């Protein structure tokens, strides 16, 4: 765009911004949405400036563009509302079947027991459970022999069970249906 075109666009913007903003404000739910509609309208006007009619017809052309932008905005808003309703329904259904507090309590006890372990015990357990690594893979990652890792892992599990059983005294014992961490199967080394 040349200098005269840029100046003409600035005048077009200054002359029509307020009109288009009021137009959009009357048709959307929030001032932010109206600002987005006007911004999109003027972006399209900038891109298609050569197609825009001159004079008063330019203002009417901008209203037509704004109308199309509003229609797109309305469709997006409807999709967003339907998605939100569907997600709320799924969440309600999920929460009626599943009580997350049990997992939170178990996770907290597990994290506390894990934090109380020595670093090398905690490290092999975390690599096994969280990262799903086999003892052979852990050995490579830590630069140890796999026999050493297996021994550490066995001892770490025993210490962890002991700490968890201490935390469990007076509290509920493990119940069926409560998730526990899986241990990856190791292939032949």
C-alpha atoms as a PDB file:
ATOM      1  CA  UNK A   1       0.000   0.000   0.000  1.00  0.00           C
ATOM      2  CA  UNK A   2       1.243   3.409  -0.852  1.00  0.00           C
ATOM      3  CA  UNK A   3       1.353   6.435   1.409  1.00  0.00           C
ATOM      4  CA  UNK A   4      -1.939   7.820   0.110  1.00  0.00           C
ATOM      5  CA  UNK A   5      -3.616   4.436   0.520  1.00  0.00           C
ATOM      6  CA  UNK A   6      -2.372   4.122   4.108  1.00  0.00           C
ATOM      7  CA  UNK A   7      -3.664   7.627   4.877  1.00  0.00           C
ATOM      8  CA  UNK A   8      -7.034   6.813   3.287  1.00  0.00           C
ATOM      9  CA  UNK A   9      -7.236   3.643   5.393  1.00  0.00           C
ATOM     10  CA  UNK A  10      -6.476   5.647   8.564  1.00  0.00           C
ATOM     11  CA  UNK A  11      -9.314   8.046   7.711  1.00  0.00           C
ATOM     12  CA  UNK A  12     -11.642   5.113   6.991  1.00  0.00           C
ATOM     13  CA  UNK A  13     -10.708   3.606  10.365  1.00  0.00           C
ATOM     14  CA  UNK A  14     -11.134   6.868  12.289  1.00  0.00           C
ATOM     15  CA  UNK A  15     -14.479   7.643  10.628  1.00  0.00           C
ATOM     16  CA  UNK A  16     -15.988   4.191  11.133  1.00  0.00           C
ATOM     17  CA  UNK A  17     -14.457   2.680  14.238  1.00  0.00           C
ATOM     18  CA  UNK A  18     -17.046   4.109  16.654  1.00  0.00           C
ATOM     19  CA  UNK A  19     -19.958   3.166  14.397  1.00  0.00           C
ATOM     20  CA  UNK A  20     -18.766  -0.431  14.023  1.00  0.00           C
ATOM     21  CA  UNK A  21     -17.974  -0.756  17.725  1.00  0.00           C
ATOM     22  CA  UNK A  22     -21.510   0.322  18.686  1.00  0.00           C
ATOM     23  CA  UNK A  23     -22.893  -2.045  16.033  1.00  0.00           C
ATOM     24  CA  UNK A  24     -20.910  -4.939  17.506  1.00  0.00           C
ATOM     25  CA  UNK A  25     -21.625  -4.026  21.154  1.00  0.00           C
ATOM     26  CA  UNK A  26     -25.348  -4.332  20.518  1.00  0.00           C
ATOM     27  CA  UNK A  27     -24.921  -7.835  19.102  1.00  0.00           C
ATOM     28  CA  UNK A  28     -22.443  -9.650  21.351  1.00  0.00           C
ATOM     29  CA  UNK A  29     -22.272 -10.527  25.040  1.00  0.00           C
ATOM     30  CA  UNK A  30     -19.147  -8.632  26.109  1.00  0.00           C
ATOM     31  CA  UNK A  31     -17.153  -5.527  25.179  1.00  0.00           C
ATOM     32  CA  UNK A  32     -14.141  -7.761  24.582  1.00  0.00           C
ATOM     33  CA  UNK A  33     -16.062  -9.750  21.971  1.00  0.00           C
ATOM     34  CA  UNK A  34     -17.175  -6.506  20.315  1.00  0.00           C
ATOM     35  CA  UNK A  35     -13.583  -5.296  20.184  1.00  0.00           C
ATOM     36  CA  UNK A  36     -12.565  -8.593  18.581  1.00  0.00           C
ATOM     37  CA  UNK A  37     -15.309  -8.264  15.957  1.00  0.00           C
ATOM     38  CA  UNK A  38     -14.239  -4.719  15.073  1.00  0.00           C
ATOM     39  CA  UNK A  39     -10.573  -5.673  14.966  1.00  0.00           C
ATOM     40  CA  UNK A  40     -11.338  -8.594  12.641  1.00  0.00           C
ATOM     41  CA  UNK A  41     -13.490  -6.341  10.459  1.00  0.00           C
ATOM     42  CA  UNK A  42     -10.708  -3.802  10.018  1.00  0.00           C
ATOM     43  CA  UNK A  43      -8.154  -6.539   9.433  1.00  0.00           C
ATOM     44  CA  UNK A  44     -10.274  -7.841   6.569  1.00  0.00           C
ATOM     45  CA  UNK A  45     -10.692  -4.276   5.296  1.00  0.00           C
ATOM     46  CA  UNK A  46      -6.911  -3.833   5.324  1.00  0.00           C
ATOM     47  CA  UNK A  47      -6.347  -7.087   3.444  1.00  0.00           C
ATOM     48  CA  UNK A  48      -9.092  -6.412   0.905  1.00  0.00           C
ATOM     49  CA  UNK A  49      -8.665  -2.640   0.638  1.00  0.00           C
ATOM     50  CA  UNK A  50      -8.436  -2.799  -3.149  1.00  0.00           C
ATOM     51  CA  UNK A  51     -11.861  -4.511  -3.318  1.00  0.00           C
ATOM     52  CA  UNK A  52     -13.547  -1.944  -1.083  1.00  0.00           C
ATOM     53  CA  UNK A  53     -15.893   0.545  -2.738  1.00  0.00           C
ATOM     54  CA  UNK A  54     -15.196   4.249  -2.288  1.00  0.00           C
ATOM     55  CA  UNK A  55     -17.085   6.967  -0.446  1.00  0.00           C
ATOM     56  CA  UNK A  56     -20.180   6.146   1.630  1.00  0.00           C
ATOM     57  CA  UNK A  57     -20.283   2.703   0.058  1.00  0.00           C
ATOM     58  CA  UNK A  58     -17.110   1.848   2.015  1.00  0.00           C
ATOM     59  CA  UNK A  59     -18.980   2.279   5.305  1.00  0.00           C
ATOM     60  CA  UNK A  60     -21.756  -0.008   4.101  1.00  0.00           C
ATOM     61  CA  UNK A  61     -19.189  -2.525   2.895  1.00  0.00           C
ATOM     62  CA  UNK A  62     -17.621  -2.466   6.410  1.00  0.00           C
ATOM     63  CA  UNK A  63     -21.064  -3.172   7.920  1.00  0.00           C
ATOM     64  CA  UNK A  64     -21.382  -6.171   5.604  1.00  0.00           C
ATOM     65  CA  UNK A  65     -17.962  -7.449   6.646  1.00  0.00           C
ATOM     66  CA  UNK A  66     -18.818  -6.897  10.323  1.00  0.00           C
ATOM     67  CA  UNK A  67     -22.085  -8.791   9.810  1.00  0.00           C
ATOM     68  CA  UNK A  68     -20.161 -11.791   8.432  1.00  0.00           C
ATOM     69  CA  UNK A  69     -17.623 -11.596  11.257  1.00  0.00           C
ATOM     70  CA  UNK A  70     -20.495 -11.541  13.764  1.00  0.00           C
ATOM     71  CA  UNK A  71     -22.069 -14.585  12.115  1.00  0.00           C
ATOM     72  CA  UNK A  72     -18.775 -16.474  12.423  1.00  0.00           C
ATOM     73  CA  UNK A  73     -18.446 -15.296  16.018  1.00  0.00           C
ATOM     74  CA  UNK A  74     -21.967 -16.553  16.765  1.00  0.00           C
ATOM     75  CA  UNK A  75     -21.214 -19.990  15.311  1.00  0.00           C
ATOM     76  CA  UNK A  76     -18.002 -20.248  17.317  1.00  0.00           C
ATOM     77  CA  UNK A  77     -19.845 -19.165  20.462  1.00  0.00           C
ATOM     78  CA  UNK A  78     -22.562 -21.789  19.907  1.00  0.00           C
ATOM     79  CA  UNK A  79     -19.947 -24.515  19.418  1.00  0.00           C
ATOM     80  CA  UNK A  80     -18.149 -23.375  22.566  1.00  0.00           C
ATOM     81  CA  UNK A  81     -21.381 -23.444  24.586  1.00  0.00           C
ATOM     82  CA  UNK A  82     -22.315 -26.919  23.307  1.00  0.00           C
ATOM     83  CA  UNK A  83     -18.831 -28.190  24.117  1.00  0.00           C
ATOM     84  CA  UNK A  84     -19.022 -26.644  27.585  1.00  0.00           C
ATOM     85  CA  UNK A  85     -22.395 -28.273  28.234  1.00  0.00           C
ATOM     86  CA  UNK A  86     -21.125 -31.639  27.017  1.00  0.00           C
ATOM     87  CA  UNK A  87     -18.014 -31.385  29.203  1.00  0.00           C
ATOM     88  CA  UNK A  88     -20.116 -30.456  32.250  1.00  0.00           C
ATOM     89  CA  UNK A  89     -22.342 -33.469  31.669  1.00  0.00           C
ATOM     90  CA  UNK A  90     -19.355 -35.798  31.267  1.00  0.00           C
ATOM     91  CA  UNK A  91     -17.755 -34.373  34.415  1.00  0.00           C
ATOM     92  CA  UNK A  92     -20.961 -34.859  36.413  1.00  0.00           C
ATOM     93  CA  UNK A  93     -21.242 -38.451  35.177  1.00  0.00           C
ATOM     94  CA  UNK A  94     -17.582 -39.099  35.961  1.00  0.00           C
ATOM     95  CA  UNK A  95     -17.852 -37.683  39.477  1.00  0.00           C
ATOM     96  CA  UNK A  96     -20.926 -39.758  40.276  1.00  0.00           C
ATOM     97  CA  UNK A  97     -18.974 -42.934  39.380  1.00  0.00           C
ATOM     98  CA  UNK A  98     -15.591 -41.913  40.765  1.00  0.00           C
ATOM     99  CA  UNK A  99     -14.596 -40.225  44.002  1.00  0.00           C
ATOM    100  CA  UNK A 100     -11.243 -38.503  43.458  1.00  0.00           C
ATOM    101  CA  UNK A 101     -10.673 -37.876  47.185  1.00  0.00           C
ATOM    102  CA  UNK A 102      -9.675 -41.502  47.745  1.00  0.00           C
ATOM    103  CA  UNK A 103      -6.909 -41.194  45.179  1.00  0.00           C
ATOM    104  CA  UNK A 104      -5.827 -37.846  46.594  1.00  0.00           C
ATOM    105  CA  UNK A 105      -5.465 -39.307  50.082  1.00  0.00           C
ATOM    106  CA  UNK A 106      -3.592 -42.330  48.753  1.00  0.00           C
ATOM    107  CA  UNK A 107      -1.366 -40.128  46.603  1.00  0.00           C
ATOM    108  CA  UNK A 108      -0.567 -37.861  49.539  1.00  0.00           C
ATOM    109  CA  UNK A 109       0.374 -40.808  51.743  1.00  0.00           C
ATOM    110  CA  UNK A 110       2.476 -42.265  48.939  1.00  0.00           C
ATOM    111  CA  UNK A 111       4.283 -38.972  48.327  1.00  0.00           C
ATOM    112  CA  UNK A 112       4.971 -38.537  52.043  1.00  0.00           C
ATOM    113  CA  UNK A 113       6.327 -42.085  52.310  1.00  0.00           C
ATOM    114  CA  UNK A 114       8.391 -41.581  49.169  1.00  0.00           C
ATOM    115  CA  UNK A 115       9.810 -38.282  50.442  1.00  0.00           C
ATOM    116  CA  UNK A 116      10.909 -40.006  53.660  1.00  0.00           C
ATOM    117  CA  UNK A 117      13.013 -42.534  51.738  1.00  0.00           C
ATOM    118  CA  UNK A 118      16.689 -42.028  51.029  1.00  0.00           C
ATOM    119  CA  UNK A 119      17.571 -40.523  47.656  1.00  0.00           C
ATOM    120  CA  UNK A 120      18.800 -43.738  45.988  1.00  0.00           C
ATOM    121  CA  UNK A 121      15.669 -45.638  47.075  1.00  0.00           C
ATOM    122  CA  UNK A 122      13.389 -42.864  45.884  1.00  0.00           C
ATOM    123  CA  UNK A 123      15.241 -42.565  42.574  1.00  0.00           C
ATOM    124  CA  UNK A 124      14.856 -46.226  41.553  1.00  0.00           C
ATOM    125  CA  UNK A 125      11.191 -46.265  42.593  1.00  0.00           C
ATOM    126  CA  UNK A 126      10.415 -43.077  40.681  1.00  0.00           C
ATOM    127  CA  UNK A 127      12.169 -44.342  37.566  1.00  0.00           C
ATOM    128  CA  UNK A 128      10.286 -47.635  37.822  1.00  0.00           C
ATOM    129  CA  UNK A 129       6.793 -46.344  38.563  1.00  0.00           C
ATOM    130  CA  UNK A 130       6.646 -42.851  37.079  1.00  0.00           C
ATOM    131  CA  UNK A 131       8.942 -43.269  34.097  1.00  0.00           C
ATOM    132  CA  UNK A 132       7.969 -46.926  33.506  1.00  0.00           C
ATOM    133  CA  UNK A 133      11.616 -47.972  33.072  1.00  0.00           C
ATOM    134  CA  UNK A 134      12.758 -51.550  33.569  1.00  0.00           C
ATOM    135  CA  UNK A 135      15.643 -52.357  35.930  1.00  0.00           C
ATOM    136  CA  UNK A 136      17.891 -52.869  32.904  1.00  0.00           C
ATOM    137  CA  UNK A 137      16.948 -49.438  31.531  1.00  0.00           C
ATOM    138  CA  UNK A 138      17.459 -47.850  34.947  1.00  0.00           C
ATOM    139  CA  UNK A 139      20.890 -49.467  35.146  1.00  0.00           C
ATOM    140  CA  UNK A 140      21.843 -47.824  31.866  1.00  0.00           C
ATOM    141  CA  UNK A 141      20.440 -44.449  32.960  1.00  0.00           C
ATOM    142  CA  UNK A 142      22.248 -44.529  36.313  1.00  0.00           C
ATOM    143  CA  UNK A 143      25.437 -46.143  35.060  1.00  0.00           C
ATOM    144  CA  UNK A 144      25.051 -49.181  37.325  1.00  0.00           C
ATOM    145  CA  UNK A 145      24.907 -52.912  36.807  1.00  0.00           C
ATOM    146  CA  UNK A 146      21.366 -54.267  36.461  1.00  0.00           C
ATOM    147  CA  UNK A 147      21.910 -56.619  39.435  1.00  0.00           C
ATOM    148  CA  UNK A 148      22.648 -53.588  41.636  1.00  0.00           C
ATOM    149  CA  UNK A 149      19.484 -51.860  40.415  1.00  0.00           C
ATOM    150  CA  UNK A 150      17.366 -54.960  41.053  1.00  0.00           C
ATOM    151  CA  UNK A 151      18.728 -55.192  44.600  1.00  0.00           C
ATOM    152  CA  UNK A 152      18.138 -51.485  45.234  1.00  0.00           C
ATOM    153  CA  UNK A 153      14.648 -51.743  43.774  1.00  0.00           C
ATOM    154  CA  UNK A 154      13.770 -54.742  45.932  1.00  0.00           C
ATOM    155  CA  UNK A 155      15.019 -52.999  49.074  1.00  0.00           C
ATOM    156  CA  UNK A 156      13.343 -49.724  48.124  1.00  0.00           C
ATOM    157  CA  UNK A 157      10.008 -51.476  47.607  1.00  0.00           C
ATOM    158  CA  UNK A 158      10.317 -53.186  50.997  1.00  0.00           C
ATOM    159  CA  UNK A 159      11.122 -49.863  52.699  1.00  0.00           C
ATOM    160  CA  UNK A 160       8.256 -48.179  50.892  1.00  0.00           C
ATOM    161  CA  UNK A 161       5.795 -50.907  51.918  1.00  0.00           C
ATOM    162  CA  UNK A 162       6.998 -50.562  55.495  1.00  0.00           C
ATOM    163  CA  UNK A 163       6.512 -46.772  55.467  1.00  0.00           C
ATOM    164  CA  UNK A 164       3.084 -47.082  53.861  1.00  0.00           C
ATOM    165  CA  UNK A 165       1.993 -49.688  56.394  1.00  0.00           C
ATOM    166  CA  UNK A 166       3.058 -47.302  59.191  1.00  0.00           C
ATOM    167  CA  UNK A 167       0.948 -44.568  57.582  1.00  0.00           C
ATOM    168  CA  UNK A 168      -1.916 -47.041  57.193  1.00  0.00           C
ATOM    169  CA  UNK A 169      -2.125 -48.005  60.876  1.00  0.00           C
ATOM    170  CA  UNK A 170      -5.335 -46.623  62.187  1.00  0.00           C
ATOM    171  CA  UNK A 171      -6.414 -45.722  58.664  1.00  0.00           C
ATOM    172  CA  UNK A 172      -8.124 -47.892  56.120  1.00  0.00           C
ATOM    173  CA  UNK A 173      -6.236 -50.811  54.618  1.00  0.00           C
ATOM    174  CA  UNK A 174      -5.884 -51.289  50.893  1.00  0.00           C
ATOM    175  CA  UNK A 175      -9.293 -51.839  49.381  1.00  0.00           C
ATOM    176  CA  UNK A 176     -10.227 -53.417  46.086  1.00  0.00           C
ATOM    177  CA  UNK A 177     -10.929 -50.831  43.423  1.00  0.00           C
ATOM    178  CA  UNK A 178      -8.324 -48.373  44.688  1.00  0.00           C
ATOM    179  CA  UNK A 179      -5.768 -47.755  41.987  1.00  0.00           C
ATOM    180  CA  UNK A 180      -2.147 -48.622  42.577  1.00  0.00           C
ATOM    181  CA  UNK A 181       0.850 -47.987  40.389  1.00  0.00           C
ATOM    182  CA  UNK A 182       1.777 -50.656  37.907  1.00  0.00           C
ATOM    183  CA  UNK A 183       5.259 -52.022  37.552  1.00  0.00           C
ATOM    184  CA  UNK A 184       6.588 -52.490  34.033  1.00  0.00           C
ATOM    185  CA  UNK A 185       7.452 -56.003  32.926  1.00  0.00           C
ATOM    186  CA  UNK A 186      11.054 -56.531  32.018  1.00  0.00           C
ATOM    187  CA  UNK A 187      12.069 -58.465  28.968  1.00  0.00           C
ATOM    188  CA  UNK A 188      15.035 -60.762  28.812  1.00  0.00           C
ATOM    189  CA  UNK A 189      18.277 -58.917  29.425  1.00  0.00           C
END
